Amino acid sequence: MIINTKTASTFRGVGVVFLVVSLILLSTLIVVTTAQQVEQKSSIEMGSEEFTPDGQLKSKPFYGVEEDLENENISIEELIKRLSSSSSLEQHGDLFLRKIPFDNVAQVEKLGDFLGSPKANKLKRIVFNKNGAEKDDPNVLEASKLAILLERGFLKQTQPTLEVIGVTSNNMTLETCMVLSYLLFQKGSVVKKLYLYNNNIDSACLKVIFSPILLPTASNTSPDKVTIPPLTKLVILANNVGDEGAKYVVKIAEAIPTLNDIVLKKTGLKEEGVLALANFIESHPDRLTHIDISENTQFGLKAFTAFCAAVEKSTTLNLLDMNEIGMDSLNAVEVLVKLIRNNKSLRKIDISDNRIADNGVKAIATVLSEQNVHLGKIDISNVGLTGEGIRYVIDAVKKNSNLKKVYIYRVEFFFEDSGIEKDLKELKKIIKSDFIDEEVITSNEINTDPNDEENVEEPSEEDITEEDDEDDNITDEELSAHPLFASLMESATPKKDEL
């Protein structure tokens, strides 16, 4: 694959040698295949929860500020006017660019100049969402336009400040991945989090983004001179990178020792990819704090067993997301039970949308009843529960005070059981379900009568730290205020400019 003259001239200011040589070396890779855009159907938690050394949950807000949501569906000229007349950029350091088409080179150059000005010298987080030119493809982020922003903006900073980069629903090409690579690995890089969602990238694109460490010779420099960003979180979500991509992620984690949070949700993982992750976790038991392999259903019991065995030995893993992975047998549940019993670092597991039914939940509830189990939160929503399964959950919560939250949303069918209803009401702060009316769930939490000021209860310290309104079951309104995934809940029926 070769860059044409026009594109190469655009890249000149951002390291043409790095770009061209890398593309030539990568020309032997399999041609990028076009994967279908996918529609996200469930809520996403951006920025994993964090824990103190003694295992207490730290309260952590969503990434982003609501002011950034104003920067949507406007021209670049209007965007620059808004940012120039506001102090939000200096105060918050967030810039969310949604449906702002990069279709005018002159305007993109002006935006680049603005990003290189003192007004933006504290910019820490930037998100690109659907920035293609409307007349061509509204979801393609062109490499030439991103290169302009890089050359005239980010590279003008004497000391890089960008800590978070998000590229979502932009159908990245190999050339775009190349420019992103230069931004990620620029000299003095301080990038800590990289979010890649629904960009139609495959393993080849992933290899291009991380080519300085996966292909050190591509940058015409020795590996020891490559700038290694202090990356802690890597989100590859709804991109079909497959097993090859998972293997690259393992190599990336080996090359970047700070990386401890990996999301590979809905990425086409199969047996080889999961086994590669298992091998990494087993050989680095003190590295990862969070891993997400959700919505990958094409790996079997062998890979699942190896993965759980590795996680079982981890000493640092706090969060494990495995919702909708096709776990539907008691053999798989037995493997998970062993993991829950023996791992001492895990604080939350999500196994929702796996059809383990009452028998599976009974096995899990049995181990959760043990006082020496350290797990504090578990999501078993939509697993085929009936009243019998809910009773197992209630009994486990009553026996183990370590359990702080158990989610059982989307139970199989409605039933009438006054005893269960009574227990669910009493345990509503721990067991979160859609069985009890919203009015019942929220009543008596605090006195909401504005005329009765004396009897208003102050929220307890536990209420604050445990975050009763969990991100896992975020409302549409809350998700709409989420910078990286604001577009996902707009409509169940995609519009012409949607996913």
Protein backbone atom coordinates (compact mmCIF):
# COMPACT_ATOMS: atom_id res chain seq x y z
CA MET A 1 0.00 0.00 0.00
CA ILE A 2 1.55 3.32 -1.08
CA ILE A 3 0.71 6.89 -0.11
CA ASN A 4 -0.04 9.09 -3.12
CA THR A 5 1.83 12.38 -3.67
CA LYS A 6 -0.93 14.57 -2.27
CA THR A 7 -1.20 12.61 0.95
CA ALA A 8 2.57 12.39 1.38
CA SER A 9 2.90 16.15 1.08
CA THR A 10 0.33 16.58 3.81
CA PHE A 11 2.27 14.25 6.10
CA ARG A 12 5.61 15.98 5.48
CA GLY A 13 5.43 18.08 8.62
CA VAL A 14 4.65 15.11 10.85
CA GLY A 15 7.45 12.77 9.92
CA VAL A 16 7.20 11.59 6.34
CA VAL A 17 9.98 9.05 6.81
CA PHE A 18 8.12 7.39 9.66
CA LEU A 19 4.87 7.30 7.73
CA VAL A 20 6.10 6.15 4.34
CA VAL A 21 8.58 3.55 5.59
CA SER A 22 5.98 2.13 7.93
CA LEU A 23 3.41 1.80 5.18
CA ILE A 24 5.90 0.11 2.87
CA LEU A 25 6.80 -2.41 5.54
CA LEU A 26 3.15 -3.01 6.21
CA SER A 27 2.29 -3.52 2.54
CA THR A 28 2.82 -7.24 3.02
CA LEU A 29 0.01 -7.37 5.55
CA ILE A 30 -3.38 -8.70 4.59
CA VAL A 31 -5.41 -5.96 2.89
CA VAL A 32 -7.73 -4.26 5.30
CA THR A 33 -11.12 -5.92 5.16
CA THR A 34 -14.29 -3.93 5.56
CA ALA A 35 -16.11 -5.05 8.67
CA GLN A 36 -19.73 -4.13 9.12
CA GLN A 37 -20.48 -1.30 11.47
CA VAL A 38 -22.04 -2.60 14.63
CA GLU A 39 -24.60 -0.99 16.85
CA GLN A 40 -23.90 -0.85 20.56
CA LYS A 41 -26.90 -2.18 22.46
CA SER A 42 -25.77 -1.95 26.06
CA SER A 43 -24.37 0.77 28.24
CA ILE A 44 -20.64 1.20 28.49
CA GLU A 45 -18.61 2.25 31.46
CA MET A 46 -15.76 4.46 30.31
CA GLY A 47 -12.97 4.58 32.84
CA SER A 48 -12.95 1.57 35.08
CA GLU A 49 -13.53 1.79 38.79
CA GLU A 50 -10.45 2.12 40.95
CA PHE A 51 -9.69 0.69 44.36
CA THR A 52 -7.59 1.75 47.31
CA PRO A 53 -4.84 -0.63 48.54
CA ASP A 54 -7.23 -2.04 51.15
CA GLY A 55 -9.81 -2.87 48.48
CA GLN A 56 -12.21 0.05 49.00
CA LEU A 57 -13.91 1.46 45.92
CA LYS A 58 -12.87 4.97 44.93
CA SER A 59 -15.59 7.23 43.68
CA LYS A 60 -14.76 8.10 40.09
CA PRO A 61 -16.85 10.28 37.76
CA PHE A 62 -17.33 9.75 34.07
CA TYR A 63 -14.61 11.08 31.83
CA GLY A 64 -15.59 14.32 30.16
CA VAL A 65 -17.57 17.44 30.92
CA GLU A 66 -21.08 18.29 29.81
CA GLU A 67 -19.97 21.57 28.28
CA ASP A 68 -18.24 19.59 25.55
CA LEU A 69 -21.60 18.32 24.34
CA GLU A 70 -22.20 21.78 22.89
CA ASN A 71 -19.47 21.08 20.35
CA GLU A 72 -21.75 18.99 18.15
CA ASN A 73 -23.10 19.42 14.63
CA ILE A 74 -21.50 22.80 14.12
CA SER A 75 -18.89 24.14 11.72
CA ILE A 76 -15.23 24.35 12.63
CA GLU A 77 -15.51 28.13 12.38
CA GLU A 78 -18.31 28.17 14.97
CA LEU A 79 -16.33 25.76 17.15
CA ILE A 80 -13.29 28.04 17.19
CA LYS A 81 -15.48 31.04 18.07
CA ARG A 82 -17.02 29.16 20.99
CA LEU A 83 -13.69 27.94 22.33
CA SER A 84 -12.05 31.35 21.91
CA SER A 85 -14.75 33.14 23.89
CA SER A 86 -15.00 30.53 26.67
CA SER A 87 -12.68 29.50 29.45
CA SER A 88 -13.92 25.91 29.53
CA LEU A 89 -10.93 24.58 27.57
CA GLU A 90 -8.44 26.05 30.02
CA GLN A 91 -10.49 24.97 33.05
CA HIS A 92 -11.39 21.42 32.05
CA GLY A 93 -8.91 20.47 29.32
CA ASP A 94 -11.63 18.51 27.45
CA LEU A 95 -12.49 18.83 23.78
CA PHE A 96 -15.25 16.66 22.34
CA LEU A 97 -15.73 16.98 18.56
CA ARG A 98 -18.90 15.22 17.45
CA LYS A 99 -20.27 15.46 13.91
CA ILE A 100 -18.05 18.42 13.17
CA PRO A 101 -17.06 17.68 9.56
CA PHE A 102 -13.42 18.11 8.62
CA ASP A 103 -14.32 18.97 5.02
CA ASN A 104 -12.64 22.32 4.54
CA VAL A 105 -8.84 22.30 4.54
CA ALA A 106 -8.58 26.01 5.37
CA GLN A 107 -10.89 25.61 8.37
CA VAL A 108 -9.02 22.51 9.55
CA GLU A 109 -5.80 24.51 9.37
CA LYS A 110 -7.37 27.23 11.52
CA LEU A 111 -8.44 24.62 14.05
CA GLY A 112 -4.90 23.24 14.01
CA ASP A 113 -3.50 26.73 14.66
CA PHE A 114 -5.95 27.13 17.55
CA LEU A 115 -4.87 23.81 19.06
CA GLY A 116 -1.28 25.05 18.88
CA SER A 117 -2.10 28.35 20.58
CA PRO A 118 -1.74 29.19 24.30
CA LYS A 119 -5.53 28.93 24.59
CA ALA A 120 -5.21 25.15 24.17
CA ASN A 121 -1.94 24.52 25.95
CA LYS A 122 -3.74 22.70 28.78
CA LEU A 123 -5.72 20.36 26.55
CA LYS A 124 -5.67 16.93 28.15
CA ARG A 125 -8.53 15.00 26.51
CA ILE A 126 -9.77 15.02 22.95
CA VAL A 127 -12.46 12.90 21.28
CA PHE A 128 -13.12 12.64 17.55
CA ASN A 129 -16.61 11.32 16.74
CA LYS A 130 -18.04 11.14 13.19
CA ASN A 131 -15.86 13.88 11.70
CA GLY A 132 -15.97 12.89 8.04
CA ALA A 133 -16.98 15.28 5.29
CA GLU A 134 -20.75 14.95 4.75
CA LYS A 135 -20.47 14.98 0.96
CA ASP A 136 -18.16 11.97 0.96
CA ASP A 137 -18.67 9.79 4.00
CA PRO A 138 -19.83 11.27 7.28
CA ASN A 139 -18.02 8.59 9.26
CA VAL A 140 -14.50 8.72 7.81
CA LEU A 141 -11.80 10.64 9.62
CA GLU A 142 -9.37 11.52 6.85
CA ALA A 143 -5.70 11.02 7.55
CA SER A 144 -4.75 14.25 5.74
CA LYS A 145 -7.01 16.34 8.00
CA LEU A 146 -5.80 14.65 11.18
CA ALA A 147 -2.22 15.24 10.02
CA ILE A 148 -2.95 18.96 9.67
CA LEU A 149 -4.20 19.12 13.26
CA LEU A 150 -1.10 17.25 14.34
CA GLU A 151 1.37 19.42 12.44
CA ARG A 152 -0.17 22.82 13.16
CA GLY A 153 -1.49 22.01 16.62
CA PHE A 154 -0.21 19.23 18.83
CA LEU A 155 3.36 19.24 17.56
CA LYS A 156 3.62 22.98 18.24
CA GLN A 157 3.39 22.30 21.96
CA THR A 158 6.78 22.49 23.62
CA GLN A 159 5.56 20.03 26.23
CA PRO A 160 2.77 17.59 25.24
CA THR A 161 -0.28 17.64 27.54
CA LEU A 162 -2.66 15.23 25.81
CA GLU A 163 -3.51 12.39 28.22
CA VAL A 164 -6.66 10.91 26.67
CA ILE A 165 -7.41 10.26 23.00
CA GLY A 166 -10.74 8.95 21.76
CA VAL A 167 -11.60 8.06 18.17
CA THR A 168 -15.14 6.72 17.79
CA SER A 169 -17.29 5.82 14.78
CA ASN A 170 -14.80 7.25 12.30
CA ASN A 171 -13.97 4.31 9.99
CA MET A 172 -10.22 4.76 10.25
CA THR A 173 -7.99 3.88 7.32
CA LEU A 174 -4.42 2.63 7.53
CA GLU A 175 -3.21 6.17 6.85
CA THR A 176 -5.37 7.54 9.68
CA CYS A 177 -3.98 4.90 12.01
CA MET A 178 -0.50 5.99 10.96
CA VAL A 179 -1.12 9.60 11.94
CA LEU A 180 -2.69 8.50 15.22
CA SER A 181 0.44 6.46 15.86
CA TYR A 182 2.60 9.54 15.48
CA LEU A 183 0.40 11.43 17.94
CA LEU A 184 0.51 8.57 20.44
CA PHE A 185 4.27 8.11 20.22
CA GLN A 186 5.39 11.71 19.74
CA LYS A 187 8.41 12.80 21.74
CA GLY A 188 7.45 13.50 25.33
CA SER A 189 4.06 11.78 24.94
CA VAL A 190 1.96 11.68 28.11
CA VAL A 191 -1.02 9.77 26.65
CA LYS A 192 -2.49 7.51 29.33
CA LYS A 193 -5.76 6.35 27.75
CA LEU A 194 -6.65 5.42 24.19
CA TYR A 195 -10.28 4.71 23.23
CA LEU A 196 -10.98 3.12 19.86
CA TYR A 197 -14.66 2.39 19.33
CA ASN A 198 -16.47 1.25 16.19
CA ASN A 199 -13.85 2.46 13.71
CA ASN A 200 -13.87 -0.55 11.37
CA ILE A 201 -10.24 -1.28 12.19
CA ASP A 202 -8.79 -4.76 12.04
CA SER A 203 -5.54 -6.23 13.33
CA ALA A 204 -3.53 -4.60 10.51
CA CYS A 205 -4.69 -1.13 11.58
CA LEU A 206 -3.94 -1.95 15.20
CA LYS A 207 -0.45 -2.98 14.17
CA VAL A 208 0.03 0.35 12.38
CA ILE A 209 -1.06 2.38 15.42
CA PHE A 210 1.48 0.60 17.62
CA SER A 211 4.10 0.07 14.92
CA PRO A 212 6.91 1.87 16.85
CA ILE A 213 6.89 -0.98 19.41
CA LEU A 214 5.53 -3.79 17.24
CA LEU A 215 7.81 -2.89 14.31
CA PRO A 216 10.64 -0.83 15.85
CA THR A 217 12.53 -0.57 12.56
CA ALA A 218 9.56 1.18 10.95
CA SER A 219 10.55 4.45 12.61
CA ASN A 220 14.15 4.20 11.43
CA THR A 221 15.41 4.29 14.98
CA SER A 222 16.57 1.81 17.54
CA PRO A 223 13.95 0.41 19.94
CA ASP A 224 15.59 2.02 22.96
CA LYS A 225 14.98 5.46 21.43
CA VAL A 226 11.28 4.96 20.81
CA THR A 227 9.12 7.13 23.06
CA ILE A 228 6.97 4.82 25.16
CA PRO A 229 3.79 6.63 26.25
CA PRO A 230 2.67 6.02 29.85
CA LEU A 231 -0.45 4.23 28.57
CA THR A 232 -2.59 2.70 31.33
CA LYS A 233 -5.88 2.01 29.51
CA LEU A 234 -6.47 0.60 26.03
CA VAL A 235 -10.06 0.28 24.81
CA ILE A 236 -10.60 -1.62 21.57
CA LEU A 237 -14.35 -1.98 21.37
CA ALA A 238 -16.57 -3.10 18.49
CA ASN A 239 -13.63 -3.45 16.11
CA ASN A 240 -13.03 -6.83 14.51
CA VAL A 241 -9.35 -7.24 15.41
CA GLY A 242 -9.79 -10.96 16.17
CA ASP A 243 -7.17 -13.31 17.57
CA GLU A 244 -4.36 -11.56 15.71
CA GLY A 245 -5.34 -8.28 17.36
CA ALA A 246 -5.38 -9.92 20.79
CA LYS A 247 -1.86 -11.20 20.20
CA TYR A 248 -0.77 -7.68 19.28
CA VAL A 249 -2.39 -6.36 22.48
CA VAL A 250 -0.31 -8.85 24.46
CA LYS A 251 2.86 -7.57 22.76
CA ILE A 252 1.75 -3.99 23.42
CA ALA A 253 1.25 -4.78 27.11
CA GLU A 254 4.68 -6.39 27.25
CA ALA A 255 6.27 -3.30 25.70
CA ILE A 256 4.32 -0.74 27.78
CA PRO A 257 4.69 -1.73 31.45
CA THR A 258 2.17 0.85 32.65
CA LEU A 259 -0.74 -0.72 30.73
CA ASN A 260 -3.08 -2.35 33.25
CA ASP A 261 -6.60 -1.84 31.85
CA ILE A 262 -7.54 -3.67 28.64
CA VAL A 263 -10.95 -3.70 26.95
CA LEU A 264 -11.45 -6.11 24.05
CA LYS A 265 -15.23 -6.11 23.99
CA LYS A 266 -16.93 -7.30 20.80
CA THR A 267 -13.69 -7.72 18.88
CA GLY A 268 -14.11 -11.21 17.41
CA LEU A 269 -11.94 -13.06 19.92
CA LYS A 270 -11.70 -16.81 19.45
CA GLU A 271 -9.68 -19.52 21.17
CA GLU A 272 -6.17 -18.38 20.19
CA GLY A 273 -6.79 -14.80 21.26
CA VAL A 274 -8.22 -15.75 24.65
CA LEU A 275 -5.36 -18.21 25.23
CA ALA A 276 -2.85 -15.45 24.41
CA LEU A 277 -4.48 -13.19 27.00
CA ALA A 278 -4.47 -16.06 29.51
CA ASN A 279 -0.76 -16.63 28.98
CA PHE A 280 -0.02 -12.95 29.52
CA ILE A 281 -2.05 -12.80 32.75
CA GLU A 282 -0.42 -15.97 34.06
CA SER A 283 3.08 -14.67 33.35
CA HIS A 284 2.23 -11.20 34.68
CA PRO A 285 -0.05 -11.86 37.70
CA ASP A 286 0.65 -8.43 39.17
CA ARG A 287 -0.04 -6.27 36.11
CA LEU A 288 -3.69 -5.99 35.11
CA THR A 289 -6.40 -4.33 37.19
CA HIS A 290 -9.23 -4.68 34.63
CA ILE A 291 -9.89 -6.82 31.58
CA ASP A 292 -13.02 -6.99 29.44
CA ILE A 293 -13.63 -9.81 26.95
CA SER A 294 -17.39 -9.33 26.77
CA GLU A 295 -19.55 -10.07 23.72
CA ASN A 296 -17.07 -12.53 22.25
CA THR A 297 -18.89 -15.83 21.85
CA GLN A 298 -16.64 -17.90 19.59
CA PHE A 299 -14.23 -19.45 22.06
CA GLY A 300 -14.92 -22.68 23.88
CA LEU A 301 -14.48 -24.25 27.31
CA LYS A 302 -10.77 -24.96 26.82
CA ALA A 303 -9.89 -21.29 26.32
CA PHE A 304 -12.33 -20.18 29.03
CA THR A 305 -10.80 -22.62 31.52
CA ALA A 306 -7.27 -21.41 30.76
CA PHE A 307 -8.35 -17.78 31.03
CA CYS A 308 -10.08 -18.28 34.40
CA ALA A 309 -7.13 -20.30 35.72
CA ALA A 310 -4.82 -17.41 34.89
CA VAL A 311 -7.14 -14.82 36.43
CA GLU A 312 -7.41 -17.01 39.51
CA LYS A 313 -3.70 -16.42 40.17
CA SER A 314 -3.80 -12.65 39.52
CA THR A 315 -2.97 -10.53 42.54
CA THR A 316 -4.05 -7.18 41.11
CA LEU A 317 -7.14 -7.76 38.96
CA ASN A 318 -10.09 -5.85 40.47
CA LEU A 319 -12.63 -5.92 37.63
CA LEU A 320 -13.51 -8.72 35.23
CA ASP A 321 -16.11 -8.25 32.48
CA MET A 322 -17.34 -11.40 30.74
CA ASN A 323 -20.93 -10.60 29.84
CA GLU A 324 -22.40 -12.41 26.84
CA ILE A 325 -19.54 -14.77 26.11
CA GLY A 326 -21.67 -17.86 25.55
CA MET A 327 -21.07 -19.34 29.00
CA ASP A 328 -24.06 -21.69 29.21
CA SER A 329 -22.84 -24.95 30.77
CA LEU A 330 -22.36 -26.09 34.35
CA ASN A 331 -18.80 -27.08 33.44
CA ALA A 332 -18.05 -23.45 32.67
CA VAL A 333 -19.80 -22.33 35.86
CA GLU A 334 -17.63 -24.72 37.89
CA VAL A 335 -14.53 -23.07 36.43
CA LEU A 336 -15.90 -19.65 37.36
CA VAL A 337 -16.79 -20.80 40.88
CA LYS A 338 -13.22 -21.93 41.41
CA LEU A 339 -12.00 -18.54 40.24
CA ILE A 340 -14.32 -16.66 42.61
CA ARG A 341 -13.33 -18.83 45.56
CA ASN A 342 -9.56 -18.60 45.08
CA ASN A 343 -8.87 -15.11 43.71
CA LYS A 344 -8.32 -12.54 46.47
CA SER A 345 -8.08 -9.36 44.39
CA LEU A 346 -11.30 -9.38 42.37
CA ARG A 347 -13.95 -6.95 43.56
CA LYS A 348 -16.43 -7.04 40.68
CA ILE A 349 -17.41 -9.56 38.00
CA ASP A 350 -19.92 -9.08 35.20
CA ILE A 351 -21.28 -12.35 33.77
CA SER A 352 -24.63 -10.98 32.62
CA ASP A 353 -26.28 -12.26 29.43
CA ASN A 354 -24.86 -15.75 29.86
CA ARG A 355 -27.62 -18.36 30.01
CA ILE A 356 -26.54 -20.24 33.12
CA ALA A 357 -30.09 -20.39 34.55
CA ASP A 358 -31.03 -21.23 38.15
CA ASN A 359 -28.62 -24.16 38.48
CA GLY A 360 -25.68 -22.02 37.44
CA VAL A 361 -26.69 -19.23 39.78
CA LYS A 362 -27.12 -21.74 42.60
CA ALA A 363 -23.48 -22.86 42.19
CA ILE A 364 -22.28 -19.24 42.14
CA ALA A 365 -24.49 -18.22 45.07
CA THR A 366 -23.14 -21.14 47.08
CA VAL A 367 -19.57 -19.88 46.78
CA LEU A 368 -20.70 -16.28 47.35
CA SER A 369 -22.18 -17.40 50.67
CA GLU A 370 -18.71 -18.14 51.98
CA GLN A 371 -17.41 -15.39 54.27
CA ASN A 372 -13.83 -15.71 52.98
CA VAL A 373 -14.90 -14.72 49.44
CA HIS A 374 -13.69 -11.20 48.74
CA LEU A 375 -15.87 -10.42 45.72
CA GLY A 376 -18.03 -7.37 46.43
CA LYS A 377 -20.07 -6.95 43.25
CA ILE A 378 -21.47 -9.33 40.65
CA ASP A 379 -23.80 -8.80 37.71
CA ILE A 380 -25.94 -11.83 36.87
CA SER A 381 -28.62 -10.00 34.91
CA ASN A 382 -30.42 -11.80 32.08
CA VAL A 383 -29.03 -15.26 32.80
CA GLY A 384 -32.35 -17.13 32.85
CA LEU A 385 -33.18 -16.60 36.51
CA THR A 386 -36.56 -17.51 37.99
CA GLY A 387 -37.87 -17.14 41.54
CA GLU A 388 -35.82 -20.14 42.61
CA GLY A 389 -32.61 -18.51 41.44
CA ILE A 390 -33.47 -15.22 43.13
CA ARG A 391 -33.90 -17.09 46.41
CA TYR A 392 -30.33 -18.42 46.08
CA VAL A 393 -29.09 -14.84 45.57
CA ILE A 394 -31.02 -13.54 48.59
CA ASP A 395 -29.63 -16.27 50.82
CA ALA A 396 -26.06 -15.55 49.67
CA VAL A 397 -26.42 -11.82 50.41
CA LYS A 398 -27.75 -12.56 53.88
CA LYS A 399 -24.83 -14.87 54.65
CA ASN A 400 -21.93 -12.83 53.24
CA SER A 401 -21.51 -9.25 54.40
CA ASN A 402 -18.77 -8.70 51.82
CA LEU A 403 -21.36 -8.56 49.03
CA LYS A 404 -22.16 -4.91 48.31
CA LYS A 405 -24.02 -5.10 44.99
CA VAL A 406 -25.72 -7.94 43.11
CA TYR A 407 -27.50 -7.13 39.87
CA ILE A 408 -30.34 -9.36 38.71
CA TYR A 409 -32.05 -7.26 36.07
CA ARG A 410 -34.12 -8.86 33.29
CA VAL A 411 -35.25 -11.95 35.19
CA GLU A 412 -36.85 -14.67 33.04
CA PHE A 413 -40.49 -14.04 33.93
CA PHE A 414 -42.66 -12.27 36.45
CA PHE A 415 -43.86 -14.23 39.44
CA GLU A 416 -45.73 -13.55 42.64
CA ASP A 417 -43.90 -14.45 45.82
CA SER A 418 -44.54 -12.20 48.79
CA GLY A 419 -41.54 -13.60 50.65
CA ILE A 420 -39.11 -12.80 47.85
CA GLU A 421 -40.67 -9.39 47.30
CA LYS A 422 -40.26 -8.61 51.00
CA ASP A 423 -36.59 -9.66 50.97
CA LEU A 424 -35.87 -7.67 47.82
CA LYS A 425 -37.32 -4.56 49.43
CA GLU A 426 -35.22 -5.08 52.56
CA LEU A 427 -32.07 -5.71 50.52
CA LYS A 428 -32.71 -3.09 47.83
CA LYS A 429 -29.40 -1.33 48.49
CA ILE A 430 -27.52 -4.52 47.68
CA ILE A 431 -29.70 -6.47 45.27
CA LYS A 432 -30.53 -4.32 42.26
CA SER A 433 -33.44 -5.59 40.21
CA ASP A 434 -36.34 -4.45 38.06
CA PHE A 435 -38.80 -6.48 40.13
CA ILE A 436 -39.64 -3.75 42.57
CA ASP A 437 -41.40 -0.62 41.36
CA GLU A 438 -39.13 2.38 41.01
CA GLU A 439 -41.18 4.23 43.62
CA VAL A 440 -40.52 1.44 46.13
CA ILE A 441 -36.82 1.36 45.36
CA THR A 442 -36.33 5.09 45.83
CA SER A 443 -38.70 5.64 48.75
CA ASN A 444 -37.23 6.12 52.22
CA GLU A 445 -33.72 6.58 50.79
CA ILE A 446 -34.04 10.21 51.84
CA ASN A 447 -36.94 12.39 52.85
CA THR A 448 -37.91 14.17 49.64
CA ASP A 449 -40.49 16.47 51.22
CA PRO A 450 -39.11 20.01 50.63
CA ASN A 451 -41.18 21.29 53.55
CA ASP A 452 -39.68 18.89 56.07
CA GLU A 453 -36.09 20.07 56.28
CA GLU A 454 -35.39 18.71 59.76
CA ASN A 455 -35.96 15.07 58.81
CA VAL A 456 -33.86 14.98 55.64
CA GLU A 457 -31.27 12.23 55.96
CA GLU A 458 -27.72 13.00 54.97
CA PRO A 459 -26.21 10.36 52.67
CA SER A 460 -23.87 8.08 54.56
CA GLU A 461 -20.21 7.70 53.69
CA GLU A 462 -20.98 4.20 52.44
CA ASP A 463 -23.68 5.56 50.12
CA ILE A 464 -21.17 7.97 48.61
CA THR A 465 -18.33 5.53 48.12
CA GLU A 466 -20.43 2.64 46.92
CA GLU A 467 -22.15 4.69 44.20
CA ASP A 468 -25.69 3.29 44.46
CA ASP A 469 -26.61 4.41 40.95
CA GLU A 470 -24.22 2.14 39.13
CA ASP A 471 -22.75 2.90 35.74
CA ASP A 472 -23.55 -0.69 34.75
CA ASN A 473 -27.25 0.19 34.60
CA ILE A 474 -26.93 3.76 33.46
CA THR A 475 -30.03 5.55 32.22
CA ASP A 476 -30.44 6.95 28.72
CA GLU A 477 -30.17 10.48 30.11
CA GLU A 478 -26.91 9.74 31.89
CA LEU A 479 -25.45 8.01 28.88
CA SER A 480 -26.40 10.90 26.62
CA ALA A 481 -24.09 13.07 28.74
CA HIS A 482 -21.22 10.69 28.15
CA PRO A 483 -18.71 12.19 25.68
CA LEU A 484 -17.32 9.05 24.11
CA PHE A 485 -20.61 7.23 23.66
CA ALA A 486 -23.18 10.00 23.48
CA SER A 487 -24.29 8.85 20.06
CA LEU A 488 -25.07 5.30 21.03
CA MET A 489 -28.44 5.79 22.74
CA GLU A 490 -29.97 8.38 20.42
CA SER A 491 -32.19 6.00 18.56
CA ALA A 492 -32.74 2.30 18.15
CA THR A 493 -33.20 2.92 14.41
CA PRO A 494 -29.98 4.20 12.83
CA LYS A 495 -30.35 7.37 10.79
CA LYS A 496 -28.37 7.93 7.64
CA ASP A 497 -25.54 9.55 9.60
CA GLU A 498 -25.64 7.08 12.48
CA LEU A 499 -23.74 3.88 13.14
